[in-house]
Amino acid sequence: MYICLCHAVTDKAIHEAVDRGVSSYSELAFNTGCGTQCGSCARTARQIFNEAVEARSELSLPVISNSALAAA
């Protein structure tokens, strides 16, 4: 589902960013542009980001680095 229409950021993209190691909402905004244009998505994006971080910490999954993805 699209969360940020201004920058075409989906909920899946937010979860993937957390999987790659994005650890703060500011970092998410910097990397995706989410919440930086009109701001109408910021509340929902932050909620999805927080849920993704919580889910990741519950699973204790390793961070996937870009170099690991390139090698695959």
PDB file of N, CA and C in Angstrom:
ATOM      1  N   MET A   1       0.843  -1.165   0.000  1.00  0.00           N
ATOM      2  CA  MET A   1       0.000   0.000   0.000  1.00  0.00           C
ATOM      3  C   MET A   1       0.902   1.246   0.000  1.00  0.00           C
ATOM      4  N   TYR A   2       0.522   2.223  -0.799  1.00  0.00           N
ATOM      5  CA  TYR A   2       1.288   3.469  -0.816  1.00  0.00           C
ATOM      6  C   TYR A   2       1.027   4.255   0.457  1.00  0.00           C
ATOM      7  N   ILE A   3       2.102   4.674   1.098  1.00  0.00           N
ATOM      8  CA  ILE A   3       2.019   5.478   2.308  1.00  0.00           C
ATOM      9  C   ILE A   3       2.288   6.939   1.966  1.00  0.00           C
ATOM     10  N   CYS A   4       3.335   7.166   1.189  1.00  0.00           N
ATOM     11  CA  CYS A   4       3.701   8.519   0.758  1.00  0.00           C
ATOM     12  C   CYS A   4       3.486   8.619  -0.747  1.00  0.00           C
ATOM     13  N   LEU A   5       2.465   9.357  -1.135  1.00  0.00           N
ATOM     14  CA  LEU A   5       2.179   9.521  -2.564  1.00  0.00           C
ATOM     15  C   LEU A   5       3.171  10.459  -3.235  1.00  0.00           C
ATOM     16  N   CYS A   6       3.686  11.421  -2.502  1.00  0.00           N
ATOM     17  CA  CYS A   6       4.630  12.388  -3.074  1.00  0.00           C
ATOM     18  C   CYS A   6       5.909  11.715  -3.559  1.00  0.00           C
ATOM     19  N   HIS A   7       6.360  10.678  -2.819  1.00  0.00           N
ATOM     20  CA  HIS A   7       7.617  10.009  -3.156  1.00  0.00           C
ATOM     21  C   HIS A   7       7.423   8.528  -3.470  1.00  0.00           C
ATOM     22  N   ALA A   8       6.178   8.102  -3.643  1.00  0.00           N
ATOM     23  CA  ALA A   8       5.840   6.715  -4.002  1.00  0.00           C
ATOM     24  C   ALA A   8       6.475   5.703  -3.055  1.00  0.00           C
ATOM     25  N   VAL A   9       6.341   5.943  -1.742  1.00  0.00           N
ATOM     26  CA  VAL A   9       6.889   5.038  -0.733  1.00  0.00           C
ATOM     27  C   VAL A   9       5.764   4.143  -0.224  1.00  0.00           C
ATOM     28  N   THR A  10       6.012   2.843  -0.261  1.00  0.00           N
ATOM     29  CA  THR A  10       5.012   1.874   0.191  1.00  0.00           C
ATOM     30  C   THR A  10       5.343   1.378   1.594  1.00  0.00           C
ATOM     31  N   ASP A  11       4.377   0.701   2.199  1.00  0.00           N
ATOM     32  CA  ASP A  11       4.634   0.078   3.499  1.00  0.00           C
ATOM     33  C   ASP A  11       5.734  -0.965   3.373  1.00  0.00           C
ATOM     34  N   LYS A  12       5.761  -1.675   2.256  1.00  0.00           N
ATOM     35  CA  LYS A  12       6.808  -2.671   2.012  1.00  0.00           C
ATOM     36  C   LYS A  12       8.187  -2.002   1.976  1.00  0.00           C
ATOM     37  N   ALA A  13       8.288  -0.842   1.346  1.00  0.00           N
ATOM     38  CA  ALA A  13       9.564  -0.125   1.277  1.00  0.00           C
ATOM     39  C   ALA A  13      10.031   0.298   2.674  1.00  0.00           C
ATOM     40  N   ILE A  14       9.097   0.658   3.535  1.00  0.00           N
ATOM     41  CA  ILE A  14       9.453   1.032   4.907  1.00  0.00           C
ATOM     42  C   ILE A  14       9.990  -0.185   5.651  1.00  0.00           C
ATOM     43  N   HIS A  15       9.326  -1.318   5.511  1.00  0.00           N
ATOM     44  CA  HIS A  15       9.796  -2.552   6.150  1.00  0.00           C
ATOM     45  C   HIS A  15      11.165  -2.959   5.603  1.00  0.00           C
ATOM     46  N   GLU A  16      11.365  -2.832   4.304  1.00  0.00           N
ATOM     47  CA  GLU A  16      12.654  -3.176   3.699  1.00  0.00           C
ATOM     48  C   GLU A  16      13.761  -2.249   4.199  1.00  0.00           C
ATOM     49  N   ALA A  17      13.440  -0.979   4.386  1.00  0.00           N
ATOM     50  CA  ALA A  17      14.434  -0.036   4.907  1.00  0.00           C
ATOM     51  C   ALA A  17      14.867  -0.447   6.314  1.00  0.00           C
ATOM     52  N   VAL A  18      13.929  -0.862   7.137  1.00  0.00           N
ATOM     53  CA  VAL A  18      14.260  -1.336   8.484  1.00  0.00           C
ATOM     54  C   VAL A  18      15.116  -2.595   8.392  1.00  0.00           C
ATOM     55  N   ASP A  19      14.792  -3.483   7.461  1.00  0.00           N
ATOM     56  CA  ASP A  19      15.589  -4.702   7.269  1.00  0.00           C
ATOM     57  C   ASP A  19      17.019  -4.376   6.851  1.00  0.00           C
ATOM     58  N   ARG A  20      17.204  -3.269   6.144  1.00  0.00           N
ATOM     59  CA  ARG A  20      18.549  -2.851   5.712  1.00  0.00           C
ATOM     60  C   ARG A  20      19.297  -2.094   6.796  1.00  0.00           C
ATOM     61  N   GLY A  21      18.636  -1.833   7.923  1.00  0.00           N
ATOM     62  CA  GLY A  21      19.332  -1.216   9.037  1.00  0.00           C
ATOM     63  C   GLY A  21      18.935   0.203   9.370  1.00  0.00           C
ATOM     64  N   VAL A  22      17.944   0.760   8.684  1.00  0.00           N
ATOM     65  CA  VAL A  22      17.464   2.099   9.040  1.00  0.00           C
ATOM     66  C   VAL A  22      16.912   2.019  10.456  1.00  0.00           C
ATOM     67  N   SER A  23      17.424   2.870  11.339  1.00  0.00           N
ATOM     68  CA  SER A  23      17.085   2.723  12.745  1.00  0.00           C
ATOM     69  C   SER A  23      16.356   3.930  13.350  1.00  0.00           C
ATOM     70  N   SER A  24      16.079   4.940  12.554  1.00  0.00           N
ATOM     71  CA  SER A  24      15.328   6.088  13.071  1.00  0.00           C
ATOM     72  C   SER A  24      14.394   6.599  11.980  1.00  0.00           C
ATOM     73  N   TYR A  25      13.347   7.270  12.416  1.00  0.00           N
ATOM     74  CA  TYR A  25      12.411   7.827  11.436  1.00  0.00           C
ATOM     75  C   TYR A  25      13.094   8.897  10.587  1.00  0.00           C
ATOM     76  N   SER A  26      13.997   9.664  11.182  1.00  0.00           N
ATOM     77  CA  SER A  26      14.732  10.689  10.415  1.00  0.00           C
ATOM     78  C   SER A  26      15.543  10.052   9.297  1.00  0.00           C
ATOM     79  N   GLU A  27      16.168   8.936   9.615  1.00  0.00           N
ATOM     80  CA  GLU A  27      16.954   8.214   8.608  1.00  0.00           C
ATOM     81  C   GLU A  27      16.040   7.670   7.511  1.00  0.00           C
ATOM     82  N   LEU A  28      14.873   7.182   7.895  1.00  0.00           N
ATOM     83  CA  LEU A  28      13.902   6.708   6.908  1.00  0.00           C
ATOM     84  C   LEU A  28      13.500   7.844   5.977  1.00  0.00           C
ATOM     85  N   ALA A  29      13.193   8.998   6.551  1.00  0.00           N
ATOM     86  CA  ALA A  29      12.796  10.159   5.746  1.00  0.00           C
ATOM     87  C   ALA A  29      13.921  10.574   4.809  1.00  0.00           C
ATOM     88  N   PHE A  30      15.151  10.561   5.291  1.00  0.00           N
ATOM     89  CA  PHE A  30      16.303  10.941   4.469  1.00  0.00           C
ATOM     90  C   PHE A  30      16.487   9.961   3.310  1.00  0.00           C
ATOM     91  N   ASN A  31      16.344   8.667   3.582  1.00  0.00           N
ATOM     92  CA  ASN A  31      16.580   7.641   2.563  1.00  0.00           C
ATOM     93  C   ASN A  31      15.448   7.477   1.564  1.00  0.00           C
ATOM     94  N   THR A  32      14.213   7.733   1.996  1.00  0.00           N
ATOM     95  CA  THR A  32      13.070   7.489   1.113  1.00  0.00           C
ATOM     96  C   THR A  32      12.350   8.766   0.676  1.00  0.00           C
ATOM     97  N   GLY A  33      12.540   9.841   1.423  1.00  0.00           N
ATOM     98  CA  GLY A  33      11.799  11.067   1.158  1.00  0.00           C
ATOM     99  C   GLY A  33      10.440  11.079   1.827  1.00  0.00           C
ATOM    100  N   CYS A  34      10.083   9.975   2.448  1.00  0.00           N
ATOM    101  CA  CYS A  34       8.777   9.831   3.090  1.00  0.00           C
ATOM    102  C   CYS A  34       8.587  10.910   4.156  1.00  0.00           C
ATOM    103  N   GLY A  35       7.496  11.656   4.056  1.00  0.00           N
ATOM    104  CA  GLY A  35       7.171  12.673   5.039  1.00  0.00           C
ATOM    105  C   GLY A  35       7.878  13.999   4.853  1.00  0.00           C
ATOM    106  N   THR A  36       8.633  14.145   3.771  1.00  0.00           N
ATOM    107  CA  THR A  36       9.422  15.366   3.589  1.00  0.00           C
ATOM    108  C   THR A  36       8.808  16.370   2.629  1.00  0.00           C
ATOM    109  N   GLN A  37       7.739  15.998   1.936  1.00  0.00           N
ATOM    110  CA  GLN A  37       7.122  16.907   0.966  1.00  0.00           C
ATOM    111  C   GLN A  37       5.938  17.623   1.613  1.00  0.00           C
ATOM    112  N   CYS A  38       4.778  17.019   1.568  1.00  0.00           N
ATOM    113  CA  CYS A  38       3.587  17.679   2.122  1.00  0.00           C
ATOM    114  C   CYS A  38       3.363  17.313   3.588  1.00  0.00           C
ATOM    115  N   GLY A  39       3.918  16.172   4.018  1.00  0.00           N
ATOM    116  CA  GLY A  39       3.816  15.768   5.413  1.00  0.00           C
ATOM    117  C   GLY A  39       2.554  15.019   5.798  1.00  0.00           C
ATOM    118  N   SER A  40       1.618  14.847   4.887  1.00  0.00           N
ATOM    119  CA  SER A  40       0.359  14.196   5.251  1.00  0.00           C
ATOM    120  C   SER A  40       0.532  12.715   5.583  1.00  0.00           C
ATOM    121  N   CYS A  41       1.627  12.115   5.162  1.00  0.00           N
ATOM    122  CA  CYS A  41       1.863  10.695   5.423  1.00  0.00           C
ATOM    123  C   CYS A  41       2.669  10.456   6.697  1.00  0.00           C
ATOM    124  N   ALA A  42       3.196  11.481   7.290  1.00  0.00           N
ATOM    125  CA  ALA A  42       4.174  11.330   8.374  1.00  0.00           C
ATOM    126  C   ALA A  42       3.653  10.482   9.537  1.00  0.00           C
ATOM    127  N   ARG A  43       2.438  10.711   9.967  1.00  0.00           N
ATOM    128  CA  ARG A  43       1.903   9.956  11.106  1.00  0.00           C
ATOM    129  C   ARG A  43       1.814   8.465  10.776  1.00  0.00           C
ATOM    130  N   THR A  44       1.264   8.137   9.616  1.00  0.00           N
ATOM    131  CA  THR A  44       1.127   6.739   9.211  1.00  0.00           C
ATOM    132  C   THR A  44       2.487   6.112   8.959  1.00  0.00           C
ATOM    133  N   ALA A  45       3.374   6.845   8.308  1.00  0.00           N
ATOM    134  CA  ALA A  45       4.720   6.328   8.031  1.00  0.00           C
ATOM    135  C   ALA A  45       5.459   6.038   9.329  1.00  0.00           C
ATOM    136  N   ARG A  46       5.351   6.926  10.289  1.00  0.00           N
ATOM    137  CA  ARG A  46       6.021   6.719  11.578  1.00  0.00           C
ATOM    138  C   ARG A  46       5.447   5.493  12.283  1.00  0.00           C
ATOM    139  N   GLN A  47       4.143   5.311  12.214  1.00  0.00           N
ATOM    140  CA  GLN A  47       3.504   4.163  12.847  1.00  0.00           C
ATOM    141  C   GLN A  47       3.996   2.859  12.204  1.00  0.00           C
ATOM    142  N   ILE A  48       4.038   2.822  10.887  1.00  0.00           N
ATOM    143  CA  ILE A  48       4.511   1.625  10.181  1.00  0.00           C
ATOM    144  C   ILE A  48       5.989   1.389  10.474  1.00  0.00           C
ATOM    145  N   PHE A  49       6.772   2.464  10.507  1.00  0.00           N
ATOM    146  CA  PHE A  49       8.188   2.346  10.840  1.00  0.00           C
ATOM    147  C   PHE A  49       8.355   1.743  12.241  1.00  0.00           C
ATOM    148  N   ASN A  50       7.638   2.260  13.211  1.00  0.00           N
ATOM    149  CA  ASN A  50       7.730   1.753  14.586  1.00  0.00           C
ATOM    150  C   ASN A  50       7.317   0.290  14.675  1.00  0.00           C
ATOM    151  N   GLU A  51       6.269  -0.094  13.957  1.00  0.00           N
ATOM    152  CA  GLU A  51       5.832  -1.490  13.934  1.00  0.00           C
ATOM    153  C   GLU A  51       6.898  -2.385  13.312  1.00  0.00           C
ATOM    154  N   ALA A  52       7.533  -1.904  12.253  1.00  0.00           N
ATOM    155  CA  ALA A  52       8.580  -2.683  11.583  1.00  0.00           C
ATOM    156  C   ALA A  52       9.790  -2.864  12.490  1.00  0.00           C
ATOM    157  N   VAL A  53      10.172  -1.812  13.200  1.00  0.00           N
ATOM    158  CA  VAL A  53      11.301  -1.897  14.130  1.00  0.00           C
ATOM    159  C   VAL A  53      10.976  -2.879  15.251  1.00  0.00           C
ATOM    160  N   GLU A  54       9.769  -2.795  15.780  1.00  0.00           N
ATOM    161  CA  GLU A  54       9.360  -3.695  16.855  1.00  0.00           C
ATOM    162  C   GLU A  54       9.344  -5.145  16.379  1.00  0.00           C
ATOM    163  N   ALA A  55       8.785  -5.388  15.210  1.00  0.00           N
ATOM    164  CA  ALA A  55       8.732  -6.744  14.662  1.00  0.00           C
ATOM    165  C   ALA A  55      10.135  -7.287  14.438  1.00  0.00           C
ATOM    166  N   ARG A  56      11.022  -6.447  13.940  1.00  0.00           N
ATOM    167  CA  ARG A  56      12.396  -6.868  13.693  1.00  0.00           C
ATOM    168  C   ARG A  56      13.097  -7.216  14.999  1.00  0.00           C
ATOM    169  N   SER A  57      12.892  -6.414  16.042  1.00  0.00           N
ATOM    170  CA  SER A  57      13.556  -6.683  17.314  1.00  0.00           C
ATOM    171  C   SER A  57      13.013  -7.957  17.954  1.00  0.00           C
ATOM    172  N   GLU A  58      11.743  -8.251  17.753  1.00  0.00           N
ATOM    173  CA  GLU A  58      11.161  -9.485  18.287  1.00  0.00           C
ATOM    174  C   GLU A  58      11.742 -10.712  17.595  1.00  0.00           C
ATOM    175  N   LEU A  59      12.057 -10.577  16.324  1.00  0.00           N
ATOM    176  CA  LEU A  59      12.602 -11.694  15.560  1.00  0.00           C
ATOM    177  C   LEU A  59      14.111 -11.819  15.711  1.00  0.00           C
ATOM    178  N   SER A  60      14.767 -10.747  16.125  1.00  0.00           N
ATOM    179  CA  SER A  60      16.231 -10.703  16.255  1.00  0.00           C
ATOM    180  C   SER A  60      16.927 -11.127  14.968  1.00  0.00           C
ATOM    181  N   LEU A  61      16.455 -10.602  13.849  1.00  0.00           N
ATOM    182  CA  LEU A  61      17.054 -10.922  12.558  1.00  0.00           C
ATOM    183  C   LEU A  61      18.287 -10.078  12.305  1.00  0.00           C
ATOM    184  N   PRO A  62      19.251 -10.624  11.587  1.00  0.00           N
ATOM    185  CA  PRO A  62      20.427  -9.826  11.255  1.00  0.00           C
ATOM    186  C   PRO A  62      20.091  -8.757  10.231  1.00  0.00           C
ATOM    187  N   VAL A  63      20.878  -7.704  10.214  1.00  0.00           N
ATOM    188  CA  VAL A  63      20.706  -6.634   9.231  1.00  0.00           C
ATOM    189  C   VAL A  63      21.273  -7.104   7.905  1.00  0.00           C
ATOM    190  N   ILE A  64      20.534  -6.861   6.834  1.00  0.00           N
ATOM    191  CA  ILE A  64      20.986  -7.231   5.486  1.00  0.00           C
ATOM    192  C   ILE A  64      21.711  -6.052   4.905  1.00  0.00           C
ATOM    193  N   SER A  65      22.984  -6.223   4.613  1.00  0.00           N
ATOM    194  CA  SER A  65      23.767  -5.127   4.052  1.00  0.00           C
ATOM    195  C   SER A  65      23.639  -5.102   2.539  1.00  0.00           C
ATOM    196  N   ASN A  66      23.894  -3.950   1.941  1.00  0.00           N
ATOM    197  CA  ASN A  66      23.846  -3.826   0.492  1.00  0.00           C
ATOM    198  C   ASN A  66      24.878  -4.731  -0.168  1.00  0.00           C
ATOM    199  N   SER A  67      26.055  -4.914   0.441  1.00  0.00           N
ATOM    200  CA  SER A  67      27.074  -5.776  -0.139  1.00  0.00           C
ATOM    201  C   SER A  67      26.625  -7.232  -0.152  1.00  0.00           C
ATOM    202  N   ALA A  68      25.883  -7.640   0.884  1.00  0.00           N
ATOM    203  CA  ALA A  68      25.370  -8.994   0.912  1.00  0.00           C
ATOM    204  C   ALA A  68      24.329  -9.213  -0.179  1.00  0.00           C
ATOM    205  N   LEU A  69      23.528  -8.185  -0.440  1.00  0.00           N
ATOM    206  CA  LEU A  69      22.537  -8.282  -1.504  1.00  0.00           C
ATOM    207  C   LEU A  69      23.206  -8.349  -2.868  1.00  0.00           C
ATOM    208  N   ALA A  70      24.272  -7.587  -3.048  1.00  0.00           N
ATOM    209  CA  ALA A  70      24.979  -7.569  -4.322  1.00  0.00           C
ATOM    210  C   ALA A  70      25.648  -8.912  -4.606  1.00  0.00           C
ATOM    211  N   ALA A  71      26.087  -9.597  -3.557  1.00  0.00           N
ATOM    212  CA  ALA A  71      26.757 -10.873  -3.719  1.00  0.00           C
ATOM    213  C   ALA A  71      25.760 -12.004  -4.022  1.00  0.00           C
ATOM    214  N   ALA A  72      24.492 -11.779  -3.709  1.00  0.00           N
ATOM    215  CA  ALA A  72      23.484 -12.846  -3.891  1.00  0.00           C
ATOM    216  C   ALA A  72      23.044 -13.007  -5.307  1.00  0.00           C
TER     217      ALA A  72
END
